[in-house]
Structure formats: structure tokens, C-alpha cells
Amino acid sequence: MLFRRRAAVAAPAAVAGLADPLTFEALFDPAFLAALRPFSLRISRAQKGGRLAEQRTNARGQGAEFADFKPYVAGDDLRAIDWNVYRRLGRLFVRVFEESQDMPVYFLVDRSRSLFVEQPPRIHAAQAATLALAAVALDQHDSVGLFPFSDKLEIEFRAVSGKGNLARVAHSLAGYSALQGTGLAAALSHLAGLRLRQGLVIVVSDFFDEAGVEAVVRGLEQLPHRLLLVQIVKAHDADPERHPDLNGDILLEDGEHAQPTSVTVTPDLMARYKAAYRHFSNALSDFARTRGAGLVQIDADRPVRDQLSALFGQGGIKL
């Protein structure tokens, strides 16, 4: 409990309440959405079997990018014959193009109770980041799936596409009330068992799980998809001394347990916590580095749009 720094600090006689999620009107802000238009999400190769769109694949067929030549066989499109090659070699070859298709983007969004404590609550940053990335995906003709989780994974929808569905995503996110505890490791295992078409999985969470960070990493390792880990943080996660109320005798309330935890903050306790948090952070970053996954932190106390602008840099994220 001590080392799961999702806690809100309460007075000794009170337990922290749960915040409301952002409303549809707050999420579906025209200025916020307009700022996302220059951004793009790309993976090295999308799995074949989707709709014609913008992501590169190993499929050969329609497209603008030349890929290779192959000998002509009956039934090939005569318009694809390269007559320059025929004049040089005396044999018929057709040009083969790389077919661009859509990329399925699957969002695992944490709606456990612990994201609804603190002010402002982390759920607000999680909602805004999810909607922003979904807007980018839908704008580039990819499909979006929404899989909220708490102690278990829910399937809200597997795949919607088209810019008109962004409002549907926003309505879903705006309806996220607090559920129960956090079962991220179990949710990842559930998702792996769904055998979805390979694409990009974006996990939006603080990544704290009572099963431990090692269990979370094992769950991530089961996924055959490209990964983008969006970690919702606060400054005092890594450095609890930055929280003004973390001193002396306090009660910690994370929203997921019936009773708050009584803690006496001492230098030794702070040192042990910081060591545990470093272990947690290193485990996530080591996984991201070895897997080639993206790992970004969104500070729940700062405007999400500004942080996403810095994240996208020159306009795109490629995984």
C-alpha cells in the first residue's frame, strides 16, 4: 500500500472523496481537437487484412509506393506491365505496389477508483490523452477500440472508424465513473487472449497494480502488438517530499480500500519508498527499451495538450 503512490492525503478524521470525470463538453473542445490535426501515429508495419488507408503493410496490391517487380502471369493487370523492362529483357514483368491499410488502435484505459482521488484527479488526464490519441487515429483513417479496465477488462467496442465516431469515443470516456481496484496485469492477459488483429495497443494508466510491476511487464510481454504506454503521473510520485502534506502522522486513502492507511512519515520510510519507486520505474523503462515500445509520461497537474505537442515533436510518433 505504501509504495502504491496513487494515494490522496486526507485529514485524520476524513476519507478523500472521488472526483467526477470530465464531461463530454469539456472533452470535446474544438480548440483542443484542432490542435491535434498535424499529428500522426505510425507503426513500422500494419498487419494485412484491413481497409485501404495510410499505414504501410507487407501486402502487395493497390497503392502509391512501388515495392518490386514480378513476372507477368495470366490475369495480372495489363496496366501494371513495365514496357521499359520488356524492351530491355524481352520478358514481361509487372510492377507491384505496397498496399497501405488501416491500423487498429486499441486503448486500454484505467478507470480504477484510485484514478478518481486527488485534485485534480488522474482520470481527467487519462480521458484527455485517450481522446486526443483516438482523434489522431481516426483522422488518419485508422480504427479505434476501447477497452476500459479496473479489476477486470471490459470490451466497450472493438473497432470503429471514421472521424464521425470521435464523438462516440468522447461520450464513452465522459461516462467513466470509478469502478473498483486495479487489475492491469489480468486485463493485459485478457486482451492477449482476444486474438485481435495486430496493431497498436495504447495503455493509459498509472501502471500501479497490487500484483506488482513484474506481473504488469509479463502481461505486456504477452501482447503481439506494437505498444505505447501512457503513464499518468504526478510530481510527488517519484519525489514524495514535494507533496506538502506528506509529513508527520497522516492517513493515506487510495479510493480502493475500505479504510485509509495510517502512516508516520520518517526519513527511513521516504528512502524505502523512493527505492521502491525507482525499481518500478526502471522495470517499465527497461521493458519499453527492450521491446521497442513507446513510454511517455503525462503529468496530471499540467495541461495535456501542451504535453502532447511536445510528445509529437515534429508531428508524428512512429513505433
Protein backbone atom coordinates (compact mmCIF):
# COMPACT_ATOMS: atom_id res chain seq x y z
CA MET A 1 0.00 0.00 0.00
CA LEU A 2 2.72 2.49 1.00
CA PHE A 3 4.53 2.07 -2.26
CA ARG A 4 1.46 2.42 -4.47
CA ARG A 5 1.67 6.18 -4.77
CA ARG A 6 -1.77 6.78 -6.08
CA ALA A 7 -2.89 7.94 -2.67
CA ALA A 8 -4.62 11.15 -1.78
CA VAL A 9 -3.76 12.62 1.61
CA ALA A 10 -6.69 13.02 3.98
CA ALA A 11 -7.12 14.59 7.38
CA PRO A 12 -7.05 12.04 10.21
CA ALA A 13 -10.83 12.08 10.58
CA ALA A 14 -11.76 12.11 6.89
CA VAL A 15 -11.51 9.92 3.84
CA ALA A 16 -10.91 11.50 0.44
CA GLY A 17 -13.93 11.57 -1.88
CA LEU A 18 -13.99 10.53 -5.52
CA ALA A 19 -13.91 13.16 -8.26
CA ASP A 20 -16.20 13.24 -11.26
CA PRO A 21 -14.80 12.52 -14.74
CA LEU A 22 -14.55 15.26 -17.34
CA THR A 23 -17.85 15.92 -19.09
CA PHE A 24 -18.41 15.45 -22.81
CA GLU A 25 -18.39 19.24 -23.28
CA ALA A 26 -15.05 19.60 -21.51
CA LEU A 27 -13.52 16.75 -23.53
CA PHE A 28 -14.93 17.61 -26.94
CA ASP A 29 -13.30 21.02 -27.05
CA PRO A 30 -12.93 22.34 -30.65
CA ALA A 31 -9.70 24.23 -29.91
CA PHE A 32 -8.16 21.16 -28.27
CA LEU A 33 -9.12 18.90 -31.18
CA ALA A 34 -7.98 21.39 -33.83
CA ALA A 35 -4.50 21.46 -32.31
CA LEU A 36 -4.19 17.71 -32.94
CA ARG A 37 -4.60 17.82 -36.73
CA PRO A 38 -0.88 18.00 -37.60
CA PHE A 39 -0.12 14.88 -35.52
CA SER A 40 0.19 11.28 -36.75
CA LEU A 41 0.65 7.80 -35.33
CA ARG A 42 2.58 5.22 -37.34
CA ILE A 43 3.83 1.70 -36.77
CA SER A 44 6.53 0.07 -38.89
CA ARG A 45 4.10 -2.39 -40.49
CA ALA A 46 0.38 -2.91 -40.01
CA GLN A 47 -0.95 -6.46 -40.28
CA LYS A 48 -2.62 -7.34 -43.55
CA GLY A 49 -6.38 -7.76 -43.65
CA GLY A 50 -7.62 -4.24 -43.07
CA ARG A 51 -9.12 -1.44 -45.14
CA LEU A 52 -7.13 0.64 -47.58
CA ALA A 53 -5.76 3.58 -45.60
CA GLU A 54 -2.38 5.11 -44.71
CA GLN A 55 -0.34 2.53 -42.77
CA ARG A 56 2.40 0.56 -44.52
CA THR A 57 1.94 -3.23 -44.65
CA ASN A 58 3.57 -6.29 -46.21
CA ALA A 59 0.57 -6.64 -48.53
CA ARG A 60 1.13 -6.19 -52.24
CA GLY A 61 -1.57 -4.73 -54.42
CA GLN A 62 -3.06 -1.28 -54.71
CA GLY A 63 -1.01 1.64 -53.52
CA ALA A 64 1.26 4.51 -54.45
CA GLU A 65 4.57 3.10 -53.18
CA PHE A 66 6.47 0.91 -55.64
CA ALA A 67 7.64 -2.32 -53.99
CA ASP A 68 9.02 -4.76 -56.58
CA PHE A 69 8.66 -6.45 -59.98
CA LYS A 70 7.25 -9.90 -60.60
CA PRO A 71 6.94 -11.98 -63.78
CA TYR A 72 3.67 -11.46 -65.61
CA VAL A 73 1.11 -14.27 -65.35
CA ALA A 74 -2.29 -14.54 -66.98
CA GLY A 75 -4.80 -12.42 -65.09
CA ASP A 76 -2.37 -9.72 -63.99
CA ASP A 77 -3.41 -6.15 -64.65
CA LEU A 78 -2.03 -5.22 -68.08
CA ARG A 79 -1.69 -1.62 -66.92
CA ALA A 80 0.98 -2.74 -64.45
CA ILE A 81 3.31 -4.14 -67.16
CA ASP A 82 6.61 -2.28 -67.27
CA TRP A 83 7.31 -1.92 -71.00
CA ASN A 84 10.78 -0.48 -70.40
CA VAL A 85 11.82 -3.74 -68.77
CA TYR A 86 10.24 -5.69 -71.64
CA ARG A 87 12.28 -3.72 -74.19
CA ARG A 88 15.50 -4.45 -72.28
CA LEU A 89 14.91 -8.09 -71.36
CA GLY A 90 12.29 -9.31 -73.79
CA ARG A 91 10.18 -10.62 -70.91
CA LEU A 92 7.02 -9.30 -69.31
CA PHE A 93 7.19 -8.03 -65.74
CA VAL A 94 4.54 -6.18 -63.77
CA ARG A 95 5.10 -3.51 -61.16
CA VAL A 96 3.94 -4.48 -57.65
CA PHE A 97 2.99 -1.78 -55.16
CA GLU A 98 2.97 -1.70 -51.40
CA GLU A 99 -0.60 -1.65 -50.16
CA SER A 100 -1.36 0.76 -47.34
CA GLN A 101 -4.10 -0.28 -44.95
CA ASP A 102 -5.61 0.89 -41.71
CA MET A 103 -4.04 0.32 -38.32
CA PRO A 104 -6.24 -0.93 -35.48
CA VAL A 105 -5.56 1.10 -32.34
CA TYR A 106 -6.72 -0.48 -29.09
CA PHE A 107 -6.98 1.69 -25.97
CA LEU A 108 -6.75 0.12 -22.52
CA VAL A 109 -7.95 2.89 -20.22
CA ASP A 110 -7.61 2.65 -16.45
CA ARG A 111 -10.83 3.57 -14.64
CA SER A 112 -9.98 2.11 -11.26
CA ARG A 113 -11.08 4.09 -8.22
CA SER A 114 -7.57 5.28 -7.43
CA LEU A 115 -7.54 7.48 -10.56
CA PHE A 116 -10.52 9.43 -9.15
CA VAL A 117 -8.85 10.64 -5.94
CA GLU A 118 -6.53 13.65 -5.64
CA GLN A 119 -7.15 17.10 -7.08
CA PRO A 120 -7.08 17.24 -10.00
CA PRO A 121 -7.73 13.52 -10.41
CA ARG A 122 -5.62 11.49 -12.81
CA ILE A 123 -8.72 10.32 -14.64
CA HIS A 124 -9.02 13.78 -16.24
CA ALA A 125 -5.58 13.49 -17.83
CA ALA A 126 -6.33 9.88 -18.84
CA GLN A 127 -9.57 10.92 -20.56
CA ALA A 128 -7.97 13.84 -22.40
CA ALA A 129 -4.93 11.84 -23.54
CA THR A 130 -7.10 8.97 -24.76
CA LEU A 131 -9.43 11.23 -26.71
CA ALA A 132 -6.51 13.11 -28.26
CA LEU A 133 -4.78 9.94 -29.46
CA ALA A 134 -8.09 8.49 -30.68
CA ALA A 135 -8.69 11.71 -32.65
CA VAL A 136 -5.30 11.34 -34.33
CA ALA A 137 -6.01 7.70 -35.22
CA LEU A 138 -9.49 8.38 -36.61
CA ASP A 139 -8.25 11.39 -38.57
CA GLN A 140 -5.73 9.19 -40.40
CA HIS A 141 -8.43 6.60 -41.25
CA ASP A 142 -7.40 4.04 -38.64
CA SER A 143 -9.85 2.15 -36.42
CA VAL A 144 -10.19 2.59 -32.67
CA GLY A 145 -11.16 0.06 -30.00
CA LEU A 146 -11.93 0.99 -26.40
CA PHE A 147 -11.21 -1.46 -23.57
CA PRO A 148 -11.61 0.15 -20.12
CA PHE A 149 -10.41 -1.84 -17.14
CA SER A 150 -10.46 -1.85 -13.39
CA ASP A 151 -10.27 -5.20 -11.63
CA LYS A 152 -11.31 -6.75 -14.97
CA LEU A 153 -11.25 -5.83 -18.65
CA GLU A 154 -14.37 -4.56 -20.40
CA ILE A 155 -14.94 -4.51 -24.16
CA GLU A 156 -16.72 -1.27 -24.96
CA PHE A 157 -16.16 -1.57 -28.71
CA ARG A 158 -13.50 -3.41 -30.71
CA ALA A 159 -13.23 -1.21 -33.79
CA VAL A 160 -14.87 1.97 -35.00
CA SER A 161 -13.53 4.14 -37.79
CA GLY A 162 -14.27 7.48 -39.38
CA LYS A 163 -13.94 10.97 -37.93
CA GLY A 164 -17.64 10.97 -37.05
CA ASN A 165 -17.00 8.35 -34.37
CA LEU A 166 -14.82 10.67 -32.30
CA ALA A 167 -17.93 11.97 -30.55
CA ARG A 168 -18.83 8.38 -29.68
CA VAL A 169 -15.40 7.91 -28.09
CA ALA A 170 -15.82 11.17 -26.16
CA HIS A 171 -19.27 10.15 -24.89
CA SER A 172 -17.86 6.82 -23.71
CA LEU A 173 -14.96 8.46 -21.88
CA ALA A 174 -17.25 11.05 -20.29
CA GLY A 175 -19.30 8.21 -18.79
CA TYR A 176 -16.37 6.70 -16.90
CA SER A 177 -17.27 6.64 -13.25
CA ALA A 178 -14.92 5.00 -10.75
CA LEU A 179 -15.03 1.20 -10.68
CA GLN A 180 -13.06 -0.97 -8.24
CA GLY A 181 -9.40 -1.92 -7.79
CA THR A 182 -6.65 -2.17 -10.37
CA GLY A 183 -6.11 -5.40 -12.29
CA LEU A 184 -3.87 -4.23 -15.11
CA ALA A 185 -1.86 -7.47 -15.33
CA ALA A 186 -5.06 -9.51 -15.61
CA ALA A 187 -6.53 -7.08 -18.16
CA LEU A 188 -3.44 -7.43 -20.36
CA SER A 189 -3.70 -11.22 -20.25
CA HIS A 190 -7.38 -10.99 -21.17
CA LEU A 191 -6.59 -8.72 -24.11
CA ALA A 192 -3.88 -11.09 -25.35
CA GLY A 193 -6.42 -13.91 -25.37
CA LEU A 194 -8.84 -12.00 -27.63
CA ARG A 195 -6.61 -12.62 -30.69
CA LEU A 196 -7.30 -9.22 -32.18
CA ARG A 197 -5.79 -8.17 -35.49
CA GLN A 198 -2.29 -6.91 -34.76
CA GLY A 199 -1.95 -3.16 -34.47
CA LEU A 200 -1.12 -0.65 -31.78
CA VAL A 201 -2.13 -1.05 -28.13
CA ILE A 202 -2.13 2.16 -26.09
CA VAL A 203 -2.29 1.59 -22.33
CA VAL A 204 -3.38 4.69 -20.38
CA SER A 205 -2.79 4.14 -16.67
CA ASP A 206 -0.60 4.95 -13.70
CA PHE A 207 0.64 1.32 -14.04
CA PHE A 208 0.33 0.62 -10.34
CA ASP A 209 -1.05 -2.84 -9.69
CA GLU A 210 -1.18 -4.79 -6.44
CA ALA A 211 0.15 -7.78 -8.40
CA GLY A 212 3.41 -5.83 -8.83
CA VAL A 213 5.23 -4.29 -11.75
CA GLU A 214 6.76 -7.64 -12.70
CA ALA A 215 3.25 -9.03 -13.29
CA VAL A 216 2.39 -5.98 -15.40
CA VAL A 217 5.51 -6.49 -17.52
CA ARG A 218 4.66 -10.18 -18.00
CA GLY A 219 1.20 -9.13 -19.16
CA LEU A 220 2.66 -6.64 -21.63
CA GLU A 221 5.02 -9.30 -22.96
CA GLN A 222 2.04 -11.45 -23.97
CA LEU A 223 0.76 -8.85 -26.44
CA PRO A 224 1.82 -9.33 -30.09
CA HIS A 225 1.03 -5.69 -30.89
CA ARG A 226 3.15 -2.57 -31.01
CA LEU A 227 2.84 -0.73 -27.70
CA LEU A 228 2.55 2.83 -26.47
CA LEU A 229 2.48 3.17 -22.67
CA VAL A 230 0.94 6.43 -21.47
CA GLN A 231 1.78 6.75 -17.78
CA ILE A 232 -0.36 9.22 -15.83
CA VAL A 233 1.86 10.70 -13.13
CA LYS A 234 2.16 13.43 -10.53
CA ALA A 235 5.42 15.05 -9.46
CA HIS A 236 5.23 13.59 -5.95
CA ASP A 237 5.11 10.02 -7.31
CA ALA A 238 8.88 9.98 -7.72
CA ASP A 239 9.61 12.55 -5.01
CA PRO A 240 7.01 12.40 -2.21
CA GLU A 241 8.76 15.21 -0.36
CA ARG A 242 7.25 17.56 -2.96
CA HIS A 243 3.78 16.85 -1.55
CA PRO A 244 3.11 19.49 1.14
CA ASP A 245 1.03 17.16 3.33
CA LEU A 246 3.41 14.20 3.42
CA ASN A 247 4.93 14.71 6.82
CA GLY A 248 4.27 13.54 10.34
CA ASP A 249 1.28 11.31 11.04
CA ILE A 250 -1.09 11.07 8.08
CA LEU A 251 -3.80 8.91 6.57
CA LEU A 252 -3.41 7.65 3.01
CA GLU A 253 -6.56 6.98 1.02
CA ASP A 254 -6.38 5.47 -2.46
CA GLY A 255 -10.11 5.01 -3.07
CA GLU A 256 -9.79 1.24 -3.43
CA HIS A 257 -9.64 0.11 0.17
CA ALA A 258 -12.39 0.40 2.75
CA GLN A 259 -10.18 2.06 5.34
CA PRO A 260 -7.38 4.60 4.96
CA THR A 261 -3.89 3.59 5.99
CA SER A 262 -2.23 5.31 8.93
CA VAL A 263 1.39 6.23 8.22
CA THR A 264 4.11 8.04 10.11
CA VAL A 265 6.44 9.69 7.60
CA THR A 266 10.10 9.30 8.56
CA PRO A 267 13.35 9.74 6.60
CA ASP A 268 13.81 5.98 6.51
CA LEU A 269 10.29 5.49 5.15
CA MET A 270 10.91 8.10 2.44
CA ALA A 271 14.16 6.39 1.42
CA ARG A 272 12.49 2.99 1.21
CA TYR A 273 9.64 4.42 -0.84
CA LYS A 274 11.97 6.17 -3.28
CA ALA A 275 13.94 2.95 -3.78
CA ALA A 276 10.73 1.04 -4.48
CA TYR A 277 9.57 3.70 -6.94
CA ARG A 278 12.91 3.61 -8.77
CA HIS A 279 12.54 -0.16 -9.11
CA PHE A 280 9.04 0.31 -10.50
CA SER A 281 10.15 3.00 -12.99
CA ASN A 282 13.21 1.06 -14.11
CA ALA A 283 11.14 -2.07 -14.75
CA LEU A 284 8.77 -0.13 -17.04
CA SER A 285 11.51 1.72 -18.89
CA ASP A 286 13.63 -1.43 -19.30
CA PHE A 287 10.67 -3.24 -20.82
CA ALA A 288 9.92 -0.34 -23.17
CA ARG A 289 13.54 -0.16 -24.32
CA THR A 290 13.97 -3.90 -24.97
CA ARG A 291 10.54 -4.25 -26.63
CA GLY A 292 10.82 -1.08 -28.72
CA ALA A 293 7.67 0.28 -27.10
CA GLY A 294 6.84 3.92 -26.53
CA LEU A 295 6.73 5.12 -22.92
CA VAL A 296 5.53 8.65 -22.19
CA GLN A 297 4.51 10.38 -19.01
CA ILE A 298 1.56 12.74 -18.79
CA ASP A 299 1.56 14.94 -15.70
CA ALA A 300 -2.00 15.08 -14.36
CA ASP A 301 -1.34 18.54 -12.92
CA ARG A 302 -0.41 20.14 -16.26
CA PRO A 303 -2.41 20.80 -19.47
CA VAL A 304 -2.49 17.64 -21.56
CA ARG A 305 -2.48 19.48 -24.90
CA ASP A 306 0.88 21.14 -24.18
CA GLN A 307 2.42 17.82 -23.20
CA LEU A 308 1.12 16.07 -26.31
CA SER A 309 2.54 18.82 -28.51
CA ALA A 310 5.96 18.15 -27.01
CA LEU A 311 5.44 14.40 -27.35
CA PHE A 312 4.63 14.55 -31.06
CA GLY A 313 7.56 16.87 -31.71
CA GLN A 314 7.75 17.37 -35.47
CA GLY A 315 4.27 15.96 -35.95
CA GLY A 316 4.47 12.19 -35.70
CA ILE A 317 5.09 9.18 -33.46
CA LYS A 318 6.44 6.05 -35.13
CA LEU A 319 6.69 2.77 -33.23
